[in-house]
Protein backbone atom coordinates (compact mmCIF):
# COMPACT_ATOMS: atom_id res chain seq x y z
CA MET A 1 3.70 29.12 -22.17
CA LYS A 2 5.22 26.33 -24.24
CA ASN A 3 4.52 22.67 -23.71
CA PHE A 4 6.17 20.98 -20.77
CA LYS A 5 6.87 17.45 -19.56
CA ALA A 6 4.72 15.27 -17.35
CA ILE A 7 4.10 11.60 -16.71
CA VAL A 8 0.64 10.70 -17.93
CA VAL A 9 -1.34 7.56 -17.09
CA GLU A 10 -3.83 6.39 -19.72
CA ASN A 11 -6.42 3.61 -19.76
CA ASP A 12 -7.82 2.16 -22.99
CA ASN A 13 -10.16 -0.18 -21.03
CA LYS A 14 -7.86 -3.13 -21.74
CA GLU A 15 -4.67 -2.05 -20.03
CA VAL A 16 -3.13 0.89 -18.22
CA ASN A 17 -0.11 2.58 -19.78
CA TYR A 18 1.99 5.49 -18.62
CA GLY A 19 4.98 7.46 -19.78
CA LEU A 20 6.60 10.85 -20.20
CA ARG A 21 4.54 13.14 -22.43
CA ASN A 22 4.59 16.74 -23.67
CA ILE A 23 1.48 18.52 -22.45
CA SER A 24 0.15 22.04 -21.97
CA LEU A 25 -1.61 23.94 -19.20
CA ASP A 26 -4.91 22.88 -20.75
CA ASN A 27 -4.15 19.34 -19.58
CA LEU A 28 -3.98 20.39 -15.92
CA SER A 29 -6.92 20.28 -13.53
CA ALA A 30 -8.51 23.53 -12.41
CA GLY A 31 -7.11 25.43 -9.43
CA ASP A 32 -6.29 28.82 -7.95
CA VAL A 33 -2.51 28.49 -7.96
CA LEU A 34 -0.06 27.48 -10.70
CA ILE A 35 3.16 25.97 -9.35
CA ASN A 36 6.49 25.31 -11.01
CA VAL A 37 7.19 21.87 -9.57
CA CYS A 38 10.73 21.37 -8.32
CA TYR A 39 10.41 18.01 -6.56
CA SER A 40 7.94 15.21 -6.13
CA SER A 41 8.44 11.79 -4.53
CA LEU A 42 7.49 8.18 -5.06
CA ASN A 43 5.14 6.42 -2.67
CA PHE A 44 3.38 3.06 -2.55
CA LYS A 45 0.20 4.77 -3.70
CA ASP A 46 2.01 6.12 -6.77
CA MET A 47 2.86 2.54 -7.73
CA LEU A 48 -0.78 1.54 -7.38
CA ALA A 49 -1.77 4.53 -9.53
CA VAL A 50 -0.11 3.06 -12.62
CA GLN A 51 -1.62 -0.42 -12.19
CA LYS A 52 -4.84 -1.63 -13.73
CA ASN A 53 -7.50 -1.69 -11.01
CA GLY A 54 -5.00 -0.05 -8.66
CA GLY A 55 -7.83 1.79 -6.92
CA VAL A 56 -6.04 5.16 -6.87
CA ILE A 57 -6.81 7.08 -10.06
CA ARG A 58 -10.43 8.12 -10.43
CA ASN A 59 -10.41 9.24 -14.07
CA TYR A 60 -8.09 9.08 -17.07
CA PRO A 61 -5.86 10.45 -18.46
CA MET A 62 -4.19 11.48 -15.20
CA ILE A 63 -0.85 12.89 -14.08
CA PRO A 64 0.19 10.85 -11.02
CA GLY A 65 2.14 12.10 -8.03
CA ILE A 66 0.47 12.52 -4.65
CA ASP A 67 2.87 15.21 -3.44
CA LEU A 68 5.04 18.06 -4.70
CA SER A 69 7.12 21.05 -3.69
CA GLY A 70 7.74 24.06 -5.87
CA ILE A 71 7.46 27.77 -6.54
CA VAL A 72 4.26 29.72 -7.18
CA VAL A 73 4.10 31.11 -10.73
CA GLU A 74 0.58 32.55 -10.76
CA SER A 75 -2.05 32.91 -8.06
CA ASN A 76 -5.71 33.89 -8.07
CA SER A 77 -5.79 33.53 -4.31
CA GLY A 78 -4.89 36.14 -1.75
CA LYS A 79 -3.17 33.44 0.28
CA PHE A 80 -0.22 33.04 -2.09
CA VAL A 81 1.89 35.22 -4.36
CA ALA A 82 4.28 34.48 -7.19
CA GLY A 83 7.72 33.44 -5.99
CA GLU A 84 6.58 31.76 -2.77
CA LYS A 85 7.86 28.28 -1.99
CA VAL A 86 5.09 25.81 -1.23
CA LEU A 87 4.29 22.13 -0.83
CA VAL A 88 1.23 19.99 -1.41
CA THR A 89 0.44 16.49 -0.16
CA GLY A 90 -2.76 14.48 -0.25
CA PHE A 91 -6.28 15.64 -1.02
CA GLY A 92 -7.02 14.59 -4.63
CA LEU A 93 -3.52 15.22 -5.95
CA GLY A 94 -2.48 12.50 -8.40
CA MET A 95 -5.79 10.72 -7.93
CA SER A 96 -8.72 12.82 -9.16
CA HIS A 97 -6.63 15.96 -9.73
CA THR A 98 -3.52 16.16 -11.92
CA GLY A 99 -0.52 15.60 -9.67
CA GLY A 100 3.11 16.24 -8.92
CA MET A 101 4.92 14.26 -11.63
CA SER A 102 4.88 17.25 -13.91
CA GLU A 103 6.90 20.39 -14.49
CA TYR A 104 3.78 22.40 -13.63
CA ALA A 105 0.83 21.76 -11.36
CA ARG A 106 -2.34 23.77 -10.79
CA VAL A 107 -4.08 23.20 -7.47
CA PRO A 108 -6.70 24.73 -5.17
CA ALA A 109 -5.24 27.23 -2.72
CA ASN A 110 -6.73 25.39 0.26
CA TRP A 111 -4.53 22.36 -0.45
CA ILE A 112 -1.28 24.29 -0.21
CA VAL A 113 1.14 24.71 2.71
CA LYS A 114 3.75 27.45 2.67
CA LEU A 115 7.18 25.92 2.99
CA PRO A 116 8.63 26.55 6.48
CA ALA A 117 11.62 28.87 6.24
CA GLU A 118 13.95 26.24 7.72
CA LEU A 119 13.05 23.62 5.09
CA SER A 120 14.25 23.41 1.50
CA LEU A 121 12.08 22.25 -1.37
CA LYS A 122 14.20 19.11 -1.60
CA GLN A 123 13.90 18.34 2.11
CA ALA A 124 10.13 18.69 1.91
CA MET A 125 9.99 15.83 -0.58
CA MET A 126 12.58 13.78 1.29
CA ILE A 127 9.75 13.70 3.82
CA GLY A 128 6.83 13.78 1.37
CA THR A 129 3.56 11.97 1.87
CA ALA A 130 5.27 8.94 3.41
CA GLY A 131 7.08 10.99 6.03
CA PHE A 132 4.01 13.10 6.73
CA THR A 133 2.07 9.87 7.35
CA ALA A 134 4.84 8.63 9.65
CA ALA A 135 4.66 11.89 11.58
CA LEU A 136 0.89 11.59 12.02
CA SER A 137 1.38 8.03 13.31
CA VAL A 138 3.92 9.11 15.90
CA ILE A 139 1.85 12.12 16.95
CA LYS A 140 -1.26 9.94 17.40
CA LEU A 141 0.61 7.63 19.78
CA LEU A 142 2.15 10.57 21.66
CA ASP A 143 -1.32 12.05 22.09
CA ASN A 144 -2.49 8.74 23.53
CA GLY A 145 0.11 8.00 26.17
CA MET A 146 3.43 7.14 24.52
CA ARG A 147 6.12 8.80 26.65
CA ILE A 148 9.90 8.57 26.62
CA GLU A 149 10.06 8.39 30.42
CA ASP A 150 8.00 5.17 30.39
CA ASP A 151 10.68 3.45 28.29
CA PRO A 152 8.13 1.74 26.01
CA GLU A 153 8.78 -1.07 23.56
CA ILE A 154 7.82 0.25 20.11
CA LEU A 155 7.58 -1.78 16.91
CA VAL A 156 7.60 -0.32 13.41
CA THR A 157 6.52 -2.64 10.58
CA GLY A 158 7.68 -2.16 7.01
CA ALA A 159 10.65 -0.50 8.64
CA SER A 160 12.82 -0.04 5.55
CA GLY A 161 10.04 1.49 3.44
CA GLY A 162 9.02 5.11 3.06
CA VAL A 163 6.71 5.47 6.08
CA GLY A 164 8.58 3.04 8.29
CA SER A 165 12.02 4.54 7.69
CA ILE A 166 10.88 8.06 8.61
CA ALA A 167 9.02 6.72 11.66
CA LEU A 168 12.23 5.08 12.89
CA LEU A 169 14.15 8.33 12.48
CA ILE A 170 11.54 10.39 14.30
CA LEU A 171 11.40 7.98 17.23
CA SER A 172 15.19 7.87 17.39
CA VAL A 173 15.73 11.62 17.30
CA MET A 174 13.07 12.03 20.00
CA GLY A 175 15.08 9.75 22.29
CA PHE A 176 13.08 6.52 22.48
CA LYS A 177 15.42 3.65 23.40
CA HIS A 178 13.53 0.46 22.52
CA ILE A 179 12.71 0.75 18.82
CA ASN A 180 11.97 -2.58 17.17
CA ALA A 181 11.99 -2.79 13.36
CA LEU A 182 10.16 -5.50 11.46
CA VAL A 183 11.97 -6.38 8.21
CA ARG A 184 11.56 -9.26 5.77
CA LYS A 185 14.90 -9.44 3.99
CA LYS A 186 18.50 -9.60 5.24
CA TYR A 187 19.69 -6.58 3.27
CA GLN A 188 17.10 -4.45 5.08
CA ILE A 189 18.62 -5.12 8.50
CA GLU A 190 21.58 -2.75 8.21
CA VAL A 191 19.34 -0.03 6.77
CA ALA A 192 16.91 -0.28 9.70
CA GLN A 193 19.77 -0.14 12.20
CA LYS A 194 21.19 3.00 10.60
CA LEU A 195 17.76 4.57 10.89
CA GLY A 196 17.66 4.03 14.63
CA ALA A 197 16.30 0.55 15.20
CA THR A 198 17.70 -0.99 18.38
CA ARG A 199 16.34 -4.47 17.67
CA ILE A 200 15.49 -6.29 14.46
CA VAL A 201 12.36 -8.42 14.24
CA THR A 202 11.59 -10.85 11.41
CA PRO A 203 8.20 -12.35 10.47
CA GLU A 204 9.42 -15.63 12.00
CA ASP A 205 9.88 -13.84 15.32
CA LEU A 206 6.20 -12.94 15.40
CA ASN A 207 5.25 -16.59 16.01
CA ILE A 208 2.10 -16.31 13.95
CA SER A 209 -0.24 -18.70 15.71
CA GLY A 210 -3.71 -17.26 15.52
CA LYS A 211 -4.01 -17.13 19.33
CA LEU A 212 -6.75 -14.90 20.71
CA LEU A 213 -4.23 -13.47 23.18
CA SER A 214 -0.45 -13.83 22.85
CA LYS A 215 2.52 -12.95 25.03
CA GLN A 216 2.70 -9.18 25.46
CA LYS A 217 5.76 -7.77 23.68
CA TYR A 218 5.10 -4.22 22.50
CA ASN A 219 3.56 -1.18 24.11
CA TYR A 220 3.02 0.58 20.81
CA VAL A 221 3.06 -0.47 17.16
CA ILE A 222 3.29 1.72 14.07
CA ASP A 223 1.94 -0.58 11.39
CA THR A 224 2.51 0.37 7.76
CA VAL A 225 1.54 -2.86 5.99
CA GLY A 226 -1.77 -4.24 7.29
CA GLY A 227 -2.96 -7.77 6.60
CA GLU A 228 -1.74 -10.87 8.44
CA VAL A 229 1.14 -9.15 10.22
CA ALA A 230 -1.11 -6.47 11.69
CA SER A 231 -3.63 -9.12 12.71
CA GLU A 232 -0.96 -11.09 14.58
CA LEU A 233 0.46 -8.06 16.37
CA ILE A 234 -2.79 -6.92 17.98
CA PRO A 235 -2.78 -9.79 20.55
CA GLN A 236 0.89 -9.00 21.39
CA ILE A 237 0.32 -5.42 22.56
CA TYR A 238 0.76 -4.68 26.26
CA TYR A 239 -2.14 -3.63 28.47
CA GLY A 240 -3.18 -0.05 27.67
CA GLY A 241 -1.04 0.13 24.54
CA GLY A 242 -2.00 0.95 20.98
CA MET A 243 -1.38 0.52 17.28
CA THR A 244 -1.61 2.94 14.38
CA MET A 245 -2.47 1.65 10.91
CA CYS A 246 -1.75 3.48 7.67
CA GLY A 247 -1.02 0.96 4.90
CA ASN A 248 -2.24 -2.12 3.09
CA ALA A 249 0.79 -3.55 1.28
CA GLY A 250 0.28 -6.75 3.27
CA GLY A 251 -3.43 -6.92 2.52
CA ILE A 252 -6.67 -5.10 3.31
CA ASN A 253 -8.19 -7.74 5.58
CA LEU A 254 -7.83 -7.70 9.35
CA SER A 255 -8.50 -10.86 11.34
CA THR A 256 -8.81 -10.24 15.06
CA ASN A 257 -11.05 -10.70 18.09
CA VAL A 258 -12.38 -8.55 20.88
CA LEU A 259 -10.21 -9.92 23.72
CA PRO A 260 -7.15 -7.64 23.28
CA PHE A 261 -9.51 -4.68 23.39
CA ILE A 262 -11.73 -5.65 26.30
CA LEU A 263 -9.18 -7.54 28.44
CA ARG A 264 -6.06 -5.46 27.77
CA GLY A 265 -7.64 -2.13 26.90
CA ILE A 266 -5.58 -1.61 23.75
CA SER A 267 -6.51 0.92 21.08
CA LEU A 268 -6.34 0.85 17.29
CA TYR A 269 -5.88 4.16 15.45
CA GLY A 270 -6.44 4.69 11.75
CA ILE A 271 -4.09 7.22 10.12
CA ASP A 272 -5.25 9.21 7.09
CA SER A 273 -2.89 11.77 5.58
CA VAL A 274 -5.03 12.53 2.52
CA ASN A 275 -7.72 14.70 4.11
CA TYR A 276 -5.86 15.82 7.21
CA PRO A 277 -7.03 19.37 8.06
CA ILE A 278 -5.04 22.01 6.18
CA GLU A 279 -4.85 24.31 9.21
CA GLU A 280 -3.05 21.58 11.20
CA ARG A 281 -0.62 20.52 8.48
CA LYS A 282 1.78 23.40 9.03
CA ILE A 283 2.15 22.35 12.67
CA VAL A 284 3.38 18.95 11.53
CA TRP A 285 5.73 20.39 8.89
CA ASP A 286 7.14 22.81 11.47
CA LYS A 287 8.21 19.81 13.57
CA PHE A 288 10.42 18.64 10.69
CA SER A 289 11.94 22.10 10.42
CA ASP A 290 12.63 22.34 14.16
CA GLN A 291 12.34 19.35 16.52
CA TRP A 292 12.79 16.56 13.99
CA ARG A 293 15.93 17.48 12.00
CA ILE A 294 16.49 14.07 10.46
CA PHE A 295 17.58 14.96 6.92
CA ASP A 296 21.21 13.90 7.23
CA LYS A 297 20.04 10.40 8.16
CA ILE A 298 17.25 9.81 5.65
CA GLU A 299 17.85 6.88 3.31
CA TYR A 300 16.92 8.34 -0.06
CA SER A 301 17.74 8.35 -3.75
CA GLU A 302 17.09 10.97 -6.41
CA VAL A 303 15.75 10.32 -9.92
CA THR A 304 14.39 12.25 -12.89
CA LEU A 305 10.97 11.90 -14.48
CA ASP A 306 12.26 9.50 -17.13
CA GLU A 307 13.59 7.16 -14.42
CA VAL A 308 10.32 6.91 -12.48
CA SER A 309 9.15 3.64 -14.05
CA GLN A 310 12.22 1.78 -12.78
CA VAL A 311 11.56 2.80 -9.18
CA LEU A 312 7.85 2.02 -9.39
CA GLU A 313 8.77 -1.49 -10.48
CA GLN A 314 11.06 -1.82 -7.43
CA ILE A 315 8.19 -0.72 -5.18
CA LYS A 316 5.86 -3.23 -6.84
CA LYS A 317 8.33 -6.07 -6.27
CA GLY A 318 8.96 -5.04 -2.65
CA ASN A 319 12.61 -4.19 -3.31
CA HIS A 320 12.45 -0.47 -2.57
CA LEU A 321 14.36 1.08 0.32
CA GLY A 322 13.69 4.37 2.05
CA ARG A 323 12.57 7.37 0.05
CA THR A 324 12.93 8.26 -3.63
CA ILE A 325 12.53 11.87 -4.68
CA ILE A 326 12.00 13.11 -8.22
CA LYS A 327 13.99 16.18 -9.22
CA ILE A 328 11.89 17.97 -11.81
CA TYR A 329 12.67 21.68 -12.24
CA ALA A 330 10.97 23.18 -15.28
CA SER A 331 13.37 25.06 -17.52
CA THR A 332 11.84 28.40 -16.50
CA ILE A 333 13.05 28.00 -12.92
CA LYS A 334 16.44 29.47 -12.20
CA LYS A 335 18.37 26.67 -10.54
CA ASN A 336 20.14 28.09 -7.55
CA PRO A 337 21.19 26.78 -4.10
CA ASN A 338 18.21 28.41 -2.40
CA ASN A 339 15.84 26.07 -4.25
CA ASN A 340 17.67 22.81 -3.49
C-alpha cells in the first residue's frame, strides 16, 4: 500500500506543531482491523489535542481524531469482515492510539461498532463523539426520572456547540416542550431556536450570586461547559431534579455546597463517553437510526483534512457552531452514494 495522508501532531519539547503529512501503515498503532476512513469530526477535545499541555495526547507523534466512520479493509478478528461499514468513538482513539484524522486507521476490534443499516457513514459523524455524549446525557436523565408527561423545565448549556446542539435536537424530537438554551453571543440565539430551544437564557439571566440556595428554575440541566456556570446552576435545580456534566470548556473547578443535595434531593451525574461499554454502544446508535431521526436539522459544516486547522482555531476562540465533519475518503475507496 502506498503512502497516505494524515494529520500528525508533533512535540519537540518546546512547542506542539501539527499538519498534513504523508505516512504509511507503519505509522499506525496496532490493532485487529484496518479501516479506510471516510469521515471523522471535530470536537472540543480535538482542539485540546493540538495544544501544548492540552492534556489529551499521551505520546507523540500522534494522529488526532477521537472518532471515525469508514469501511473495513482488512480484519484479523472474526467480528468484522472486509467491506463492512463501521464507526469508532472514544477509548484511546486520537489520544494514545492513532486516530481518525487519517485516510486509514487501525484499531482493536473491541472498539468498533457496526454501522446501523439505517445510518450512513456521513450521518454517523454528524453525530460523532459530541452527539454520542449528548445522547448519554439525555439517557441518564431519562433513566432518573425525566418524563415528557411531567412537563419539566430543561436547560442545556453550551447550546450552540457540538454536544449542546445535538442535545437540543434530541429533546425536541422526543417532544419536550420547555427546552431552555444557554448561549453567550447574540448570533447563537437563532441557531439555538432552530435546534428546538423554546427559551433563550444568557449568563446574565443566571443571576450569579454565590447563594447557597437560589430560586428553583430548572428540573433538569444538561451541562456541557463546567466551571462557574455549572456551579451557579446547581442551587437553581428544583427538588428531586438533576444535572449531567460532560465538559470543561468553562473550567475544571466546581464550587458548590451540600444544601441543594440534602435539602432538595438533587443529583449530579458525570457523563463519560470514552470508556462507555462497547456492548451498550449499539443501543445508543440504534436510537439515532430509529427514534431520533434528527439529521435534517443538524447544524453542521463539512471540511477536508487540509481545512482542519481553521476550524480548530474557531473552536479555541469559542466561535464554533454546531458540528463540523471531515470528509476524508482515501483514493482506494469507490465514492458512491451508498457511502455518503
